[in-house]
């Protein structure tokens, strides 16, 4: 349906966005200790990898897979129409899954990686308060 080259191009574009975000985080404040910069870069890389690539890709894939099964057994749509309907369902799901995924990834990182890498409880609280703004 979508050329593999286009999908690879989109993933490469997303990787460039992640790298730009990492550079912005690491260069934001040059007076910060290097260990804090490394923690921020690792946090950003993991968050972007999960919230921008892995979880949305998996979620949309499963929505499309299940939509295709439901449409196959409950409608008499021709295969080409069903394929485009499944694509439309997957695309229309994006606005509804963005915020739950973002919050879920923040929750997971707050209870795993950010706890393991925080140097003090104040730093962990900073992550939470900065995100609440």
N, C-alpha and C. Protein backbone atom coordinates (compact mmCIF):
# COMPACT_ATOMS: atom_id res chain seq x y z
N UNK A 1 0.83 -1.18 0.00
CA UNK A 1 0.00 0.00 0.00
C UNK A 1 0.88 1.25 0.00
N UNK A 2 1.78 1.38 0.96
CA UNK A 2 2.71 2.50 0.99
C UNK A 2 4.09 1.94 0.69
N UNK A 3 4.79 2.60 -0.20
CA UNK A 3 6.10 2.11 -0.61
C UNK A 3 7.05 2.04 0.60
N UNK A 4 7.85 0.99 0.64
CA UNK A 4 8.80 0.81 1.74
C UNK A 4 9.78 1.98 1.80
N UNK A 5 10.13 2.52 0.65
CA UNK A 5 11.06 3.66 0.64
C UNK A 5 10.45 4.87 1.35
N UNK A 6 9.17 5.09 1.19
CA UNK A 6 8.50 6.21 1.87
C UNK A 6 8.49 5.99 3.38
N UNK A 7 8.23 4.79 3.81
CA UNK A 7 8.23 4.48 5.24
C UNK A 7 9.62 4.70 5.81
N UNK A 8 10.65 4.23 5.12
CA UNK A 8 12.02 4.43 5.59
C UNK A 8 12.36 5.91 5.65
N UNK A 9 11.92 6.67 4.66
CA UNK A 9 12.16 8.11 4.65
C UNK A 9 11.49 8.78 5.86
N UNK A 10 10.27 8.38 6.18
CA UNK A 10 9.58 8.94 7.33
C UNK A 10 10.28 8.61 8.64
N UNK A 11 10.76 7.37 8.78
CA UNK A 11 11.50 7.00 9.99
C UNK A 11 12.82 7.78 10.08
N UNK A 12 13.47 7.98 8.95
CA UNK A 12 14.72 8.77 8.97
C UNK A 12 14.43 10.22 9.34
N UNK A 13 13.32 10.75 8.83
CA UNK A 13 12.94 12.12 9.20
C UNK A 13 12.66 12.23 10.68
N UNK A 14 12.00 11.24 11.23
CA UNK A 14 11.73 11.23 12.67
C UNK A 14 13.04 11.14 13.45
N UNK A 15 13.99 10.35 12.97
CA UNK A 15 15.29 10.24 13.64
C UNK A 15 16.01 11.57 13.63
N UNK A 16 15.91 12.32 12.53
CA UNK A 16 16.54 13.65 12.47
C UNK A 16 15.89 14.57 13.50
N UNK A 17 14.57 14.53 13.61
CA UNK A 17 13.87 15.35 14.61
C UNK A 17 14.32 15.01 16.02
N UNK A 18 14.49 13.73 16.30
CA UNK A 18 14.95 13.30 17.62
C UNK A 18 16.36 13.84 17.87
N UNK A 19 17.23 13.76 16.88
CA UNK A 19 18.60 14.26 17.05
C UNK A 19 18.62 15.77 17.27
N UNK A 20 17.79 16.50 16.55
CA UNK A 20 17.71 17.95 16.75
C UNK A 20 17.22 18.26 18.16
N UNK A 21 16.23 17.52 18.64
CA UNK A 21 15.73 17.71 20.00
C UNK A 21 16.82 17.40 21.02
N UNK A 22 17.59 16.35 20.76
CA UNK A 22 18.69 16.01 21.67
C UNK A 22 19.74 17.13 21.71
N UNK A 23 20.09 17.65 20.55
CA UNK A 23 21.08 18.73 20.51
C UNK A 23 20.56 19.96 21.24
N UNK A 24 19.28 20.28 21.04
CA UNK A 24 18.70 21.44 21.71
C UNK A 24 18.75 21.26 23.22
N UNK A 25 18.42 20.05 23.70
CA UNK A 25 18.46 19.79 25.13
C UNK A 25 19.89 19.88 25.67
N UNK A 26 20.84 19.34 24.92
CA UNK A 26 22.21 19.30 25.43
C UNK A 26 22.90 20.65 25.36
N UNK A 27 22.50 21.53 24.46
CA UNK A 27 23.13 22.83 24.32
C UNK A 27 22.36 23.94 25.01
N UNK A 28 21.25 23.62 25.64
CA UNK A 28 20.38 24.64 26.21
C UNK A 28 21.07 25.45 27.30
N UNK A 29 21.85 24.81 28.13
CA UNK A 29 22.48 25.51 29.25
C UNK A 29 23.89 24.97 29.41
N UNK A 30 24.87 25.76 29.03
CA UNK A 30 26.25 25.29 29.07
C UNK A 30 26.84 25.29 30.47
N UNK A 31 26.17 25.89 31.43
CA UNK A 31 26.70 25.90 32.80
C UNK A 31 26.30 24.65 33.58
N UNK A 32 25.45 23.83 33.00
CA UNK A 32 25.00 22.62 33.67
C UNK A 32 26.10 21.56 33.59
N UNK A 33 26.21 20.78 34.64
CA UNK A 33 27.22 19.72 34.66
C UNK A 33 26.98 18.72 33.53
N UNK A 34 28.06 18.12 33.06
CA UNK A 34 27.96 17.16 31.96
C UNK A 34 27.08 15.97 32.32
N UNK A 35 27.09 15.55 33.57
CA UNK A 35 26.25 14.41 33.95
C UNK A 35 24.77 14.75 33.80
N UNK A 36 24.41 16.00 34.07
CA UNK A 36 23.02 16.41 33.89
C UNK A 36 22.66 16.45 32.40
N UNK A 37 23.61 16.88 31.58
CA UNK A 37 23.38 16.91 30.14
C UNK A 37 23.20 15.49 29.62
N UNK A 38 24.04 14.57 30.07
CA UNK A 38 23.92 13.18 29.64
C UNK A 38 22.57 12.61 30.05
N UNK A 39 22.15 12.88 31.30
CA UNK A 39 20.84 12.40 31.75
C UNK A 39 19.71 12.97 30.90
N UNK A 40 19.81 14.27 30.58
CA UNK A 40 18.76 14.90 29.76
C UNK A 40 18.73 14.31 28.36
N UNK A 41 19.90 14.06 27.80
CA UNK A 41 19.96 13.48 26.45
C UNK A 41 19.41 12.06 26.45
N UNK A 42 19.79 11.26 27.43
CA UNK A 42 19.28 9.88 27.51
C UNK A 42 17.77 9.89 27.72
N UNK A 43 17.30 10.75 28.62
CA UNK A 43 15.86 10.85 28.87
C UNK A 43 15.12 11.23 27.59
N UNK A 44 15.63 12.22 26.88
CA UNK A 44 14.99 12.68 25.65
C UNK A 44 15.01 11.58 24.59
N UNK A 45 16.13 10.90 24.45
CA UNK A 45 16.23 9.84 23.45
C UNK A 45 15.26 8.71 23.74
N UNK A 46 15.19 8.28 24.98
CA UNK A 46 14.26 7.20 25.34
C UNK A 46 12.82 7.66 25.17
N UNK A 47 12.51 8.89 25.65
CA UNK A 47 11.14 9.38 25.53
C UNK A 47 10.72 9.48 24.07
N UNK A 48 11.58 10.08 23.24
CA UNK A 48 11.25 10.23 21.82
C UNK A 48 11.10 8.88 21.14
N UNK A 49 12.01 7.95 21.48
CA UNK A 49 11.93 6.62 20.87
C UNK A 49 10.64 5.91 21.21
N UNK A 50 10.20 6.06 22.45
CA UNK A 50 8.95 5.41 22.85
C UNK A 50 7.72 6.18 22.39
N UNK A 51 7.66 7.49 22.71
CA UNK A 51 6.44 8.27 22.47
C UNK A 51 6.26 8.68 21.02
N UNK A 52 7.33 8.72 20.25
CA UNK A 52 7.20 9.17 18.86
C UNK A 52 7.27 8.04 17.85
N UNK A 53 7.89 6.92 18.21
CA UNK A 53 8.11 5.87 17.23
C UNK A 53 7.45 4.55 17.66
N UNK A 54 7.94 3.97 18.74
CA UNK A 54 7.57 2.60 19.08
C UNK A 54 6.10 2.45 19.46
N UNK A 55 5.66 3.20 20.45
CA UNK A 55 4.29 3.01 20.95
C UNK A 55 3.24 3.44 19.93
N UNK A 56 3.37 4.62 19.28
CA UNK A 56 2.36 4.98 18.28
C UNK A 56 2.35 4.02 17.09
N UNK A 57 3.52 3.59 16.65
CA UNK A 57 3.57 2.65 15.54
C UNK A 57 2.86 1.35 15.86
N UNK A 58 3.14 0.82 17.04
CA UNK A 58 2.48 -0.41 17.47
C UNK A 58 0.97 -0.22 17.62
N UNK A 59 0.59 0.90 18.25
CA UNK A 59 -0.83 1.16 18.50
C UNK A 59 -1.61 1.30 17.20
N UNK A 60 -1.09 2.07 16.28
CA UNK A 60 -1.79 2.26 15.00
C UNK A 60 -1.81 0.95 14.21
N UNK A 61 -0.73 0.18 14.28
CA UNK A 61 -0.71 -1.11 13.60
C UNK A 61 -1.81 -2.01 14.12
N UNK A 62 -1.98 -2.06 15.43
CA UNK A 62 -3.02 -2.93 16.01
C UNK A 62 -4.42 -2.41 15.71
N UNK A 63 -4.60 -1.09 15.69
CA UNK A 63 -5.90 -0.52 15.33
C UNK A 63 -6.25 -0.92 13.90
N UNK A 64 -5.29 -0.79 13.00
CA UNK A 64 -5.53 -1.15 11.59
C UNK A 64 -5.79 -2.65 11.45
N UNK A 65 -5.00 -3.46 12.13
CA UNK A 65 -5.17 -4.90 12.06
C UNK A 65 -6.56 -5.31 12.51
N UNK A 66 -6.98 -4.80 13.68
CA UNK A 66 -8.29 -5.16 14.20
C UNK A 66 -9.42 -4.58 13.36
N UNK A 67 -9.23 -3.36 12.83
CA UNK A 67 -10.25 -2.76 11.96
C UNK A 67 -10.43 -3.60 10.71
N UNK A 68 -9.34 -4.09 10.16
CA UNK A 68 -9.42 -4.92 8.96
C UNK A 68 -10.19 -6.20 9.24
N UNK A 69 -9.92 -6.82 10.38
CA UNK A 69 -10.65 -8.05 10.74
C UNK A 69 -12.14 -7.76 10.89
N UNK A 70 -12.47 -6.70 11.61
CA UNK A 70 -13.89 -6.36 11.83
C UNK A 70 -14.57 -6.07 10.50
N UNK A 71 -13.93 -5.26 9.65
CA UNK A 71 -14.54 -4.92 8.36
C UNK A 71 -14.66 -6.14 7.46
N UNK A 72 -13.71 -7.04 7.52
CA UNK A 72 -13.76 -8.23 6.67
C UNK A 72 -14.97 -9.10 7.00
N UNK A 73 -15.29 -9.21 8.29
CA UNK A 73 -16.36 -10.11 8.70
C UNK A 73 -17.71 -9.43 8.89
N UNK A 74 -17.75 -8.11 8.91
CA UNK A 74 -19.04 -7.44 9.14
C UNK A 74 -19.54 -6.63 7.95
N UNK A 75 -18.71 -6.47 6.92
CA UNK A 75 -19.15 -5.72 5.75
C UNK A 75 -18.86 -6.51 4.49
N UNK A 76 -19.40 -6.02 3.41
CA UNK A 76 -19.12 -6.65 2.11
C UNK A 76 -18.31 -5.71 1.23
N UNK A 77 -17.44 -4.91 1.86
CA UNK A 77 -16.61 -3.99 1.10
C UNK A 77 -15.61 -4.76 0.25
N UNK A 78 -15.36 -4.29 -0.96
CA UNK A 78 -14.31 -4.92 -1.77
C UNK A 78 -12.95 -4.69 -1.11
N UNK A 79 -11.97 -5.57 -1.36
CA UNK A 79 -10.68 -5.48 -0.69
C UNK A 79 -9.99 -4.11 -0.81
N UNK A 80 -10.05 -3.49 -1.97
CA UNK A 80 -9.40 -2.18 -2.15
C UNK A 80 -10.07 -1.12 -1.29
N UNK A 81 -11.38 -1.12 -1.25
CA UNK A 81 -12.12 -0.16 -0.43
C UNK A 81 -11.86 -0.41 1.05
N UNK A 82 -11.83 -1.70 1.42
CA UNK A 82 -11.57 -2.04 2.81
C UNK A 82 -10.17 -1.57 3.22
N UNK A 83 -9.19 -1.73 2.34
CA UNK A 83 -7.82 -1.32 2.64
C UNK A 83 -7.74 0.19 2.90
N UNK A 84 -8.43 0.97 2.05
CA UNK A 84 -8.41 2.44 2.24
C UNK A 84 -9.22 2.85 3.47
N UNK A 85 -10.27 2.10 3.76
CA UNK A 85 -11.06 2.39 4.97
C UNK A 85 -10.22 2.13 6.22
N UNK A 86 -9.47 1.03 6.22
CA UNK A 86 -8.59 0.71 7.34
C UNK A 86 -7.54 1.80 7.50
N UNK A 87 -6.98 2.28 6.39
CA UNK A 87 -5.99 3.36 6.44
C UNK A 87 -6.61 4.62 7.03
N UNK A 88 -7.82 4.95 6.61
CA UNK A 88 -8.50 6.14 7.15
C UNK A 88 -8.77 5.98 8.64
N UNK A 89 -9.14 4.80 9.07
CA UNK A 89 -9.38 4.56 10.50
C UNK A 89 -8.08 4.75 11.28
N UNK A 90 -6.99 4.20 10.77
CA UNK A 90 -5.70 4.34 11.44
C UNK A 90 -5.26 5.79 11.54
N UNK A 91 -5.42 6.54 10.45
CA UNK A 91 -5.04 7.96 10.47
C UNK A 91 -5.94 8.77 11.39
N UNK A 92 -7.22 8.44 11.39
CA UNK A 92 -8.15 9.21 12.23
C UNK A 92 -7.96 8.90 13.72
N UNK A 93 -7.29 7.81 14.04
CA UNK A 93 -7.04 7.47 15.45
C UNK A 93 -5.92 8.30 16.04
N UNK A 94 -5.05 8.86 15.21
CA UNK A 94 -3.86 9.56 15.71
C UNK A 94 -4.20 10.67 16.71
N UNK A 95 -5.13 11.57 16.43
CA UNK A 95 -5.40 12.63 17.42
C UNK A 95 -5.88 12.10 18.77
N UNK A 96 -6.47 10.93 18.78
CA UNK A 96 -7.01 10.38 20.02
C UNK A 96 -5.97 9.60 20.83
N UNK A 97 -4.89 9.18 20.19
CA UNK A 97 -3.90 8.37 20.91
C UNK A 97 -2.68 9.18 21.37
N UNK A 98 -2.50 10.40 20.86
CA UNK A 98 -1.29 11.18 21.16
C UNK A 98 -1.15 11.44 22.65
N UNK A 99 -2.12 12.06 23.26
CA UNK A 99 -2.00 12.44 24.67
C UNK A 99 -1.94 11.24 25.61
N UNK A 100 -2.76 10.22 25.43
CA UNK A 100 -2.61 9.05 26.31
C UNK A 100 -1.23 8.39 26.20
N UNK A 101 -0.68 8.34 25.00
CA UNK A 101 0.66 7.77 24.83
C UNK A 101 1.69 8.64 25.52
N UNK A 102 1.62 9.95 25.30
CA UNK A 102 2.58 10.86 25.95
C UNK A 102 2.53 10.71 27.47
N UNK A 103 1.32 10.73 28.02
CA UNK A 103 1.18 10.60 29.48
C UNK A 103 1.65 9.23 29.96
N UNK A 104 1.35 8.20 29.21
CA UNK A 104 1.79 6.85 29.58
C UNK A 104 3.30 6.72 29.58
N UNK A 105 3.96 7.27 28.56
CA UNK A 105 5.42 7.21 28.50
C UNK A 105 6.02 8.02 29.63
N UNK A 106 5.47 9.20 29.92
CA UNK A 106 5.96 9.98 31.06
C UNK A 106 5.80 9.19 32.36
N UNK A 107 4.66 8.54 32.53
CA UNK A 107 4.42 7.75 33.74
C UNK A 107 5.46 6.64 33.87
N UNK A 108 5.69 5.92 32.78
CA UNK A 108 6.66 4.82 32.81
C UNK A 108 8.06 5.35 33.12
N UNK A 109 8.46 6.44 32.46
CA UNK A 109 9.80 6.99 32.69
C UNK A 109 9.92 7.57 34.10
N UNK A 110 8.86 8.19 34.60
CA UNK A 110 8.90 8.73 35.96
C UNK A 110 9.11 7.63 36.99
N UNK A 111 8.61 6.44 36.71
CA UNK A 111 8.71 5.35 37.67
C UNK A 111 9.85 4.39 37.37
N UNK A 112 10.62 4.65 36.32
CA UNK A 112 11.76 3.78 36.01
C UNK A 112 13.01 4.63 35.80
N UNK A 113 13.27 5.00 34.58
CA UNK A 113 14.51 5.67 34.18
C UNK A 113 14.78 6.94 34.98
N UNK A 114 13.81 7.78 35.14
CA UNK A 114 14.02 9.06 35.83
C UNK A 114 14.31 8.85 37.31
N UNK A 115 13.74 7.83 37.91
CA UNK A 115 14.06 7.53 39.31
C UNK A 115 15.48 6.99 39.43
N UNK A 116 15.87 6.15 38.47
CA UNK A 116 17.18 5.54 38.53
C UNK A 116 18.29 6.55 38.27
N UNK A 117 18.01 7.58 37.47
CA UNK A 117 19.06 8.53 37.11
C UNK A 117 19.00 9.84 37.89
N UNK A 118 17.98 10.05 38.70
CA UNK A 118 17.87 11.30 39.46
C UNK A 118 18.94 11.31 40.56
N UNK A 119 19.58 12.47 40.73
CA UNK A 119 20.60 12.60 41.77
C UNK A 119 19.99 13.02 43.09
N UNK A 120 18.79 13.55 43.04
CA UNK A 120 18.12 13.95 44.27
C UNK A 120 16.62 13.92 44.05
N UNK A 121 15.88 13.96 45.13
CA UNK A 121 14.42 13.97 44.99
C UNK A 121 13.95 15.29 44.39
N UNK A 122 14.75 16.36 44.58
CA UNK A 122 14.39 17.65 43.99
C UNK A 122 14.42 17.58 42.47
N UNK A 123 15.37 16.84 41.91
CA UNK A 123 15.47 16.73 40.46
C UNK A 123 14.29 15.96 39.89
N UNK A 124 13.88 14.91 40.58
CA UNK A 124 12.71 14.15 40.14
C UNK A 124 11.46 15.02 40.21
N UNK A 125 11.35 15.84 41.24
CA UNK A 125 10.21 16.74 41.36
C UNK A 125 10.24 17.81 40.28
N UNK A 126 11.46 18.24 39.87
CA UNK A 126 11.57 19.22 38.78
C UNK A 126 11.01 18.67 37.48
N UNK A 127 11.31 17.39 37.19
CA UNK A 127 10.76 16.77 35.98
C UNK A 127 9.25 16.85 35.99
N UNK A 128 8.66 16.51 37.13
CA UNK A 128 7.21 16.50 37.24
C UNK A 128 6.63 17.90 37.09
N UNK A 129 7.20 18.89 37.79
CA UNK A 129 6.64 20.23 37.75
C UNK A 129 6.85 20.89 36.39
N UNK A 130 7.97 20.61 35.72
CA UNK A 130 8.20 21.19 34.40
C UNK A 130 7.21 20.64 33.38
N UNK A 131 6.85 19.38 33.52
CA UNK A 131 5.92 18.76 32.58
C UNK A 131 4.50 19.24 32.83
N UNK A 132 4.17 19.62 34.07
CA UNK A 132 2.82 20.05 34.39
C UNK A 132 2.50 21.42 33.84
N UNK A 133 3.51 22.18 33.43
CA UNK A 133 3.26 23.55 32.93
C UNK A 133 2.52 23.57 31.64
